[in-house]
Amino acid sequence: MAVVAIDREGFIRSANATAEKFFGCNLSDTESVRITDLIPEFNVPALETSEGLDRLNSGGRSQGPGRHMRAMRTGGSEAFVDVQAARFSVRGEDFLTLFIQDVTAVVEAETAAQDLRLQITYNWRLNSLGEMASMVAHELNQPLSAVLNFLEAAQTLLNRPQIEPDKIRKFLASAAGQAERAADVIRRLRSLMSRDTGFHAEANLGEVVTEVMPILQINARELEADITVAIPQEACVRCDRVQIQQLIINLVRNALDAPVTGQKRRVLISSSPVEDGHRLLVEDNGPGVSDAVAARLFDPLASTKPGGMGLGLSICRTIVEAHGGAINHVPSTLGGAAFAFTLIERTADA
């Protein structure tokens, strides 16, 4: 481990061989190098108090971004380090001993893992949409065929000797409505296919869910299932809109894909206020989940579907955790399976 001693002004007064090798320069025979020349974001004045020193030393990797500091090495290369400090005095002069650990490999591994998670999430989103493509094509065929029928009817009226403007306007309005219905399906699909890296913004939770309902209803109609949404109008949260929509789609599709029980499938999407946010619940009246399966529901590669990859709920958990929450399998008021997670409420002054 690299060890250096600095004075109150931040000048390096001594360093071990590991520190000199890591930074690539001689640090022992000079007092002209500041620690901020090597670690620019290191805040020397903040360590003058015991509270500041404790804050530095008590910080853990669990605190997330900002824990690791960037270090500059000879030649302009960068590294990532974790720093711990201890105060000592010699002949009435105060010093800090800094214990500097190179965590570059750890940061690079974490970055690579995050990139892989994003890539898996993106591919999973495309695969999920691919599974719905045939149903979407069927759904689009209906409004587009209706548009042609209404326009042909309007053209027929225009060819008559006695033109009836009111009827023509009615047919044109109906054609426009059906075209908007088709366009709405396409807009939802384009939104879900957008590759996103995690932009959180304020959103009305009801609107977030409503936007994907046309897509969910396609699957529901195929299965003759009912999907009910019960979300208060005032439910506003901070979230990545597309990722939460992706999450809702996966949970609802899981509910619709559950084994049949001889009764009409029902899915309920609801929310309720909790401290600092809103709890969202997706539940169904299917056969539920056994205790043995429930214990590994969110494990990668664990799937209850024949031929399933087992990535769905694992990615759902990744999305929820990226929003600072947790997703859990909970009892369903409908008698089947239910999944609950919490989103943070928007600030009052936003």
Protein backbone atom coordinates (compact mmCIF):
# COMPACT_ATOMS: atom_id res chain seq x y z
CA MET A 1 0.00 0.00 0.00
CA ALA A 2 1.22 3.50 -0.81
CA VAL A 3 1.86 5.62 2.30
CA VAL A 4 2.68 9.35 2.33
CA ALA A 5 2.91 11.96 5.07
CA ILE A 6 1.69 15.51 4.39
CA ASP A 7 1.85 18.71 6.41
CA ARG A 8 -1.04 21.06 7.13
CA GLU A 9 -0.54 22.86 3.80
CA GLY A 10 -0.77 19.59 1.91
CA PHE A 11 2.90 19.28 0.95
CA ILE A 12 4.28 15.74 0.87
CA ARG A 13 7.01 15.38 3.49
CA SER A 14 7.75 11.66 3.12
CA ALA A 15 6.61 8.65 1.13
CA ASN A 16 7.34 4.96 0.97
CA ALA A 17 8.71 3.15 -2.06
CA THR A 18 5.27 1.84 -3.01
CA ALA A 19 3.92 5.40 -3.24
CA GLU A 20 6.81 6.52 -5.43
CA LYS A 21 6.38 3.51 -7.70
CA PHE A 22 2.63 4.06 -7.94
CA PHE A 23 2.83 7.77 -8.77
CA GLY A 24 5.98 7.32 -10.84
CA CYS A 25 8.06 10.09 -9.27
CA ASN A 26 10.43 10.84 -6.41
CA LEU A 27 8.46 12.02 -3.38
CA SER A 28 10.88 11.50 -0.52
CA ASP A 29 13.52 14.13 -1.27
CA THR A 30 11.29 17.09 -2.05
CA GLU A 31 8.82 19.30 -0.25
CA SER A 32 7.47 21.01 -3.37
CA VAL A 33 4.85 18.42 -4.30
CA ARG A 34 1.35 18.86 -2.92
CA ILE A 35 -0.98 15.94 -2.45
CA THR A 36 -3.49 17.77 -4.68
CA ASP A 37 -0.92 17.57 -7.50
CA LEU A 38 -1.32 13.82 -7.32
CA ILE A 39 -4.95 13.53 -6.11
CA PRO A 40 -6.64 16.77 -7.30
CA GLU A 41 -9.92 16.25 -5.42
CA PHE A 42 -8.27 15.52 -2.07
CA ASN A 43 -9.57 18.12 0.39
CA VAL A 44 -6.80 18.89 2.91
CA PRO A 45 -8.63 21.66 4.87
CA ALA A 46 -11.59 19.32 5.46
CA LEU A 47 -9.32 17.04 7.51
CA GLU A 48 -8.36 19.67 10.06
CA THR A 49 -11.29 18.63 12.24
CA SER A 50 -11.94 15.24 13.78
CA GLU A 51 -15.34 15.16 12.05
CA GLY A 52 -13.73 15.59 8.63
CA LEU A 53 -11.18 12.90 9.34
CA ASP A 54 -13.88 10.51 10.56
CA ARG A 55 -15.95 11.25 7.46
CA LEU A 56 -13.06 10.28 5.20
CA ASN A 57 -12.22 7.13 7.13
CA SER A 58 -15.79 5.94 7.67
CA GLY A 59 -16.72 6.24 4.02
CA GLY A 60 -17.25 2.84 2.45
CA ARG A 61 -17.74 1.55 -1.04
CA SER A 62 -21.40 1.11 -0.20
CA GLN A 63 -21.75 4.88 -0.51
CA GLY A 64 -21.57 4.48 -4.28
CA PRO A 65 -20.35 7.09 -6.79
CA GLY A 66 -17.81 9.57 -5.47
CA ARG A 67 -16.18 7.17 -3.04
CA HIS A 68 -13.12 6.60 -5.24
CA MET A 69 -10.78 9.52 -6.01
CA ARG A 70 -8.89 10.08 -9.25
CA ALA A 71 -5.09 10.07 -8.99
CA MET A 72 -2.69 11.54 -11.54
CA ARG A 73 0.45 9.58 -12.34
CA THR A 74 3.61 10.57 -14.14
CA GLY A 75 3.00 10.60 -17.87
CA GLY A 76 -0.57 11.81 -17.51
CA SER A 77 -2.21 8.45 -16.83
CA GLU A 78 -5.07 8.28 -14.33
CA ALA A 79 -5.87 5.80 -11.60
CA PHE A 80 -8.54 5.41 -8.94
CA VAL A 81 -7.64 5.30 -5.25
CA ASP A 82 -9.23 4.97 -1.83
CA VAL A 83 -7.60 7.06 0.89
CA GLN A 84 -7.55 6.66 4.68
CA ALA A 85 -5.82 9.13 6.99
CA ALA A 86 -4.36 9.35 10.49
CA ARG A 87 -3.14 12.44 12.31
CA PHE A 88 0.19 12.62 14.16
CA SER A 89 2.58 15.28 15.46
CA VAL A 90 6.36 15.57 15.49
CA ARG A 91 8.14 18.29 17.47
CA GLY A 92 4.97 20.35 17.65
CA GLU A 93 4.18 20.14 13.93
CA ASP A 94 1.01 18.41 12.76
CA PHE A 95 1.04 15.87 9.94
CA LEU A 96 -1.34 13.44 8.24
CA THR A 97 -0.38 9.96 7.21
CA LEU A 98 -2.31 8.92 4.11
CA PHE A 99 -2.83 5.26 3.28
CA ILE A 100 -3.54 5.13 -0.46
CA GLN A 101 -4.94 1.98 -2.03
CA ASP A 102 -5.02 1.50 -5.78
CA VAL A 103 -8.56 0.42 -6.74
CA THR A 104 -8.26 1.02 -10.48
CA ALA A 105 -8.87 -2.62 -11.32
CA VAL A 106 -11.93 -2.67 -9.06
CA VAL A 107 -13.40 0.46 -10.69
CA GLU A 108 -12.74 -0.89 -14.18
CA ALA A 109 -14.39 -4.19 -13.26
CA GLU A 110 -17.41 -2.37 -11.80
CA THR A 111 -17.66 -0.20 -14.92
CA ALA A 112 -17.45 -3.25 -17.18
CA ALA A 113 -20.12 -5.00 -15.11
CA GLN A 114 -22.39 -1.95 -15.32
CA ASP A 115 -21.90 -1.76 -19.10
CA LEU A 116 -22.76 -5.46 -19.32
CA ARG A 117 -25.91 -4.94 -17.24
CA LEU A 118 -26.97 -2.09 -19.50
CA GLN A 119 -26.30 -4.21 -22.59
CA ILE A 120 -28.25 -7.17 -21.18
CA THR A 121 -31.10 -4.84 -20.22
CA TYR A 122 -31.14 -3.33 -23.69
CA ASN A 123 -31.06 -6.71 -25.42
CA TRP A 124 -33.75 -8.04 -23.09
CA ARG A 125 -35.91 -5.05 -23.98
CA LEU A 126 -35.49 -5.77 -27.69
CA ASN A 127 -36.19 -9.48 -27.19
CA SER A 128 -39.33 -8.68 -25.22
CA LEU A 129 -40.52 -6.37 -27.96
CA GLY A 130 -39.71 -9.00 -30.56
CA GLU A 131 -42.03 -11.43 -28.82
CA MET A 132 -44.83 -8.88 -29.09
CA ALA A 133 -44.13 -7.99 -32.72
CA SER A 134 -46.66 -10.39 -34.21
CA MET A 135 -49.40 -9.19 -31.85
CA VAL A 136 -48.54 -5.57 -32.60
CA ALA A 137 -48.75 -6.25 -36.33
CA HIS A 138 -52.20 -7.72 -35.79
CA GLU A 139 -53.18 -4.72 -33.67
CA LEU A 140 -51.98 -2.24 -36.30
CA ASN A 141 -53.80 -4.07 -39.08
CA GLN A 142 -57.19 -3.29 -37.53
CA PRO A 143 -56.94 0.54 -37.39
CA LEU A 144 -55.13 0.74 -40.74
CA SER A 145 -57.82 -1.36 -42.41
CA ALA A 146 -60.45 0.87 -40.79
CA VAL A 147 -58.70 3.97 -42.15
CA LEU A 148 -58.91 2.58 -45.69
CA ASN A 149 -62.57 1.66 -45.25
CA PHE A 150 -63.50 5.13 -43.96
CA LEU A 151 -61.58 6.85 -46.76
CA GLU A 152 -63.19 4.63 -49.39
CA ALA A 153 -66.60 5.45 -47.93
CA ALA A 154 -65.80 9.16 -48.07
CA GLN A 155 -64.60 8.81 -51.67
CA THR A 156 -67.85 7.02 -52.57
CA LEU A 157 -69.90 9.90 -51.12
CA LEU A 158 -67.81 12.44 -53.05
CA ASN A 159 -68.57 10.59 -56.30
CA ARG A 160 -72.31 10.86 -55.77
CA PRO A 161 -74.24 13.63 -57.53
CA GLN A 162 -75.62 14.81 -54.21
CA ILE A 163 -72.68 15.45 -51.84
CA GLU A 164 -73.37 15.05 -48.11
CA PRO A 165 -70.66 17.10 -46.32
CA ASP A 166 -71.66 16.02 -42.79
CA LYS A 167 -71.30 12.34 -43.57
CA ILE A 168 -67.99 12.91 -45.37
CA ARG A 169 -66.63 14.86 -42.39
CA LYS A 170 -67.76 12.06 -40.09
CA PHE A 171 -65.91 9.41 -42.14
CA LEU A 172 -62.77 11.55 -42.32
CA ALA A 173 -62.83 12.14 -38.56
CA SER A 174 -63.21 8.42 -37.97
CA ALA A 175 -60.27 7.71 -40.29
CA ALA A 176 -58.15 10.25 -38.41
CA GLY A 177 -59.07 8.64 -35.09
CA GLN A 178 -58.03 5.19 -36.31
CA ALA A 179 -54.77 6.59 -37.71
CA GLU A 180 -54.04 8.17 -34.32
CA ARG A 181 -54.72 4.83 -32.66
CA ALA A 182 -52.15 3.14 -34.91
CA ALA A 183 -49.66 5.97 -34.40
CA ASP A 184 -50.08 5.66 -30.64
CA VAL A 185 -49.01 2.00 -30.70
CA ILE A 186 -45.94 2.88 -32.78
CA ARG A 187 -45.00 5.77 -30.46
CA ARG A 188 -45.09 3.49 -27.43
CA LEU A 189 -42.88 0.94 -29.13
CA ARG A 190 -40.36 3.58 -30.23
CA SER A 191 -40.20 4.94 -26.70
CA LEU A 192 -39.54 1.51 -25.22
CA MET A 193 -36.86 0.76 -27.83
CA SER A 194 -34.94 3.94 -27.01
CA ARG A 195 -31.61 3.03 -25.50
CA ASP A 196 -31.40 4.82 -22.15
CA THR A 197 -28.55 5.11 -19.64
CA GLY A 198 -30.46 6.18 -16.56
CA PHE A 199 -31.97 9.69 -16.76
CA HIS A 200 -34.22 10.28 -13.77
CA ALA A 201 -36.85 13.01 -14.00
CA GLU A 202 -40.12 13.89 -12.34
CA ALA A 203 -43.09 11.99 -13.70
CA ASN A 204 -46.71 11.27 -12.90
CA LEU A 205 -46.83 7.57 -12.06
CA GLY A 206 -50.31 7.15 -13.50
CA GLU A 207 -49.19 8.63 -16.83
CA VAL A 208 -46.10 6.41 -16.88
CA VAL A 209 -48.30 3.32 -16.62
CA THR A 210 -51.06 4.62 -18.91
CA GLU A 211 -48.58 5.16 -21.74
CA VAL A 212 -47.81 1.44 -21.98
CA MET A 213 -51.37 0.22 -21.50
CA PRO A 214 -52.08 0.01 -25.28
CA ILE A 215 -49.20 -2.45 -25.57
CA LEU A 216 -50.21 -4.42 -22.49
CA GLN A 217 -53.81 -4.59 -23.67
CA ILE A 218 -52.67 -6.28 -26.88
CA ASN A 219 -51.37 -9.23 -24.88
CA ALA A 220 -54.37 -9.13 -22.55
CA ARG A 221 -56.88 -9.33 -25.42
CA GLU A 222 -55.07 -12.32 -26.88
CA LEU A 223 -55.48 -14.11 -23.54
CA GLU A 224 -58.93 -12.68 -22.77
CA ALA A 225 -57.52 -11.22 -19.55
CA ASP A 226 -58.43 -8.06 -17.63
CA ILE A 227 -55.84 -5.47 -16.57
CA THR A 228 -56.95 -2.87 -14.03
CA VAL A 229 -54.99 0.26 -13.06
CA ALA A 230 -55.64 1.94 -9.70
CA ILE A 231 -53.10 4.73 -9.26
CA PRO A 232 -53.97 8.07 -7.58
CA GLN A 233 -53.69 11.13 -9.81
CA GLU A 234 -51.35 12.82 -7.34
CA ALA A 235 -48.77 10.00 -7.44
CA CYS A 236 -45.66 11.79 -8.75
CA VAL A 237 -42.16 10.30 -8.51
CA ARG A 238 -38.61 10.70 -9.75
CA CYS A 239 -37.73 7.89 -12.13
CA ASP A 240 -36.30 6.78 -15.43
CA ARG A 241 -39.60 6.75 -17.31
CA VAL A 242 -38.62 4.17 -19.95
CA GLN A 243 -37.01 1.79 -17.47
CA ILE A 244 -40.05 1.85 -15.17
CA GLN A 245 -42.28 1.20 -18.18
CA GLN A 246 -40.03 -1.69 -19.12
CA LEU A 247 -40.33 -2.97 -15.55
CA ILE A 248 -44.15 -2.73 -15.60
CA ILE A 249 -44.36 -4.54 -18.93
CA ASN A 250 -42.22 -7.40 -17.68
CA LEU A 251 -44.15 -7.84 -14.43
CA VAL A 252 -47.54 -7.73 -16.20
CA ARG A 253 -46.41 -10.13 -18.91
CA ASN A 254 -45.14 -12.50 -16.22
CA ALA A 255 -48.59 -12.33 -14.60
CA LEU A 256 -50.32 -13.00 -17.91
CA ASP A 257 -47.96 -15.88 -18.74
CA ALA A 258 -48.59 -17.68 -15.45
CA PRO A 259 -50.24 -21.14 -15.76
CA VAL A 260 -54.01 -21.10 -16.19
CA THR A 261 -56.22 -21.87 -13.23
CA GLY A 262 -59.56 -22.27 -15.00
CA GLN A 263 -60.68 -18.71 -14.21
CA LYS A 264 -60.35 -15.51 -16.20
CA ARG A 265 -56.91 -13.99 -15.68
CA ARG A 266 -56.91 -10.70 -13.79
CA VAL A 267 -54.00 -8.32 -13.23
CA LEU A 268 -54.10 -5.29 -10.94
CA ILE A 269 -51.57 -2.45 -11.08
CA SER A 270 -51.95 -0.20 -8.04
CA SER A 271 -50.00 2.23 -5.91
CA SER A 272 -50.22 3.65 -2.42
CA PRO A 273 -48.27 6.44 -0.68
CA VAL A 274 -45.48 5.49 1.69
CA GLU A 275 -42.85 7.54 3.45
CA ASP A 276 -40.93 9.62 0.85
CA GLY A 277 -42.57 7.91 -2.10
CA HIS A 278 -45.13 5.58 -3.61
CA ARG A 279 -45.34 1.79 -3.43
CA LEU A 280 -46.28 0.17 -6.72
CA LEU A 281 -47.90 -3.26 -6.73
CA VAL A 282 -48.47 -5.64 -9.64
CA GLU A 283 -50.59 -8.66 -8.68
CA ASP A 284 -52.56 -11.42 -10.38
CA ASN A 285 -55.03 -14.19 -9.60
CA GLY A 286 -52.88 -16.99 -11.00
CA PRO A 287 -51.60 -20.05 -9.14
CA GLY A 288 -49.00 -18.05 -7.20
CA VAL A 289 -45.39 -18.94 -6.50
CA SER A 290 -44.25 -21.87 -4.37
CA ASP A 291 -41.94 -21.25 -1.41
CA ALA A 292 -39.14 -23.16 -3.10
CA VAL A 293 -39.34 -21.01 -6.23
CA ALA A 294 -39.87 -17.76 -4.29
CA ALA A 295 -36.48 -18.16 -2.60
CA ARG A 296 -34.66 -17.84 -5.93
CA LEU A 297 -37.04 -15.71 -7.99
CA PHE A 298 -34.58 -12.86 -8.49
CA ASP A 299 -31.50 -15.00 -9.10
CA PRO A 300 -29.99 -14.63 -12.59
CA LEU A 301 -30.73 -17.62 -14.86
CA ALA A 302 -33.53 -18.82 -12.56
CA SER A 303 -36.73 -19.22 -14.57
CA THR A 304 -40.11 -20.83 -13.98
CA LYS A 305 -40.99 -20.68 -17.69
CA PRO A 306 -40.13 -23.50 -20.10
CA GLY A 307 -37.30 -22.19 -22.26
CA GLY A 308 -37.00 -19.00 -20.22
CA MET A 309 -33.58 -17.37 -19.78
CA GLY A 310 -34.24 -16.31 -16.19
CA LEU A 311 -33.16 -12.70 -16.77
CA GLY A 312 -36.54 -10.96 -16.43
CA LEU A 313 -36.90 -10.58 -12.67
CA SER A 314 -33.14 -10.22 -12.22
CA ILE A 315 -33.17 -7.19 -14.53
CA CYS A 316 -36.30 -5.90 -12.79
CA ARG A 317 -34.35 -5.95 -9.54
CA THR A 318 -31.44 -4.10 -11.20
CA ILE A 319 -33.81 -1.38 -12.42
CA VAL A 320 -35.46 -0.95 -9.02
CA GLU A 321 -32.13 -0.87 -7.19
CA ALA A 322 -30.90 1.78 -9.63
CA HIS A 323 -33.83 3.86 -8.35
CA GLY A 324 -32.71 3.36 -4.75
CA GLY A 325 -35.39 0.82 -3.88
CA ALA A 326 -35.99 -2.91 -3.55
CA ILE A 327 -38.46 -5.26 -5.22
CA ASN A 328 -40.14 -8.05 -3.27
CA HIS A 329 -42.51 -10.93 -3.82
CA VAL A 330 -45.50 -10.25 -1.55
CA PRO A 331 -48.97 -11.76 -0.92
CA SER A 332 -51.56 -10.95 -3.58
CA THR A 333 -55.03 -9.69 -2.72
CA LEU A 334 -56.20 -11.51 -5.85
CA GLY A 335 -54.88 -14.84 -4.60
CA GLY A 336 -51.96 -15.29 -7.01
CA ALA A 337 -48.52 -13.70 -7.16
CA ALA A 338 -47.64 -10.06 -6.47
CA PHE A 339 -44.52 -7.92 -6.73
CA ALA A 340 -44.02 -4.61 -4.93
CA PHE A 341 -41.42 -1.86 -5.20
CA THR A 342 -41.12 1.76 -4.06
CA LEU A 343 -40.23 4.89 -6.03
CA ILE A 344 -39.11 8.16 -4.44
CA GLU A 345 -41.63 11.00 -4.49
CA ARG A 346 -40.73 14.23 -6.26
CA THR A 347 -39.69 17.14 -4.07
CA ALA A 348 -42.37 19.56 -2.95
CA ASP A 349 -40.61 22.59 -4.43
CA ALA A 350 -39.98 20.96 -7.79
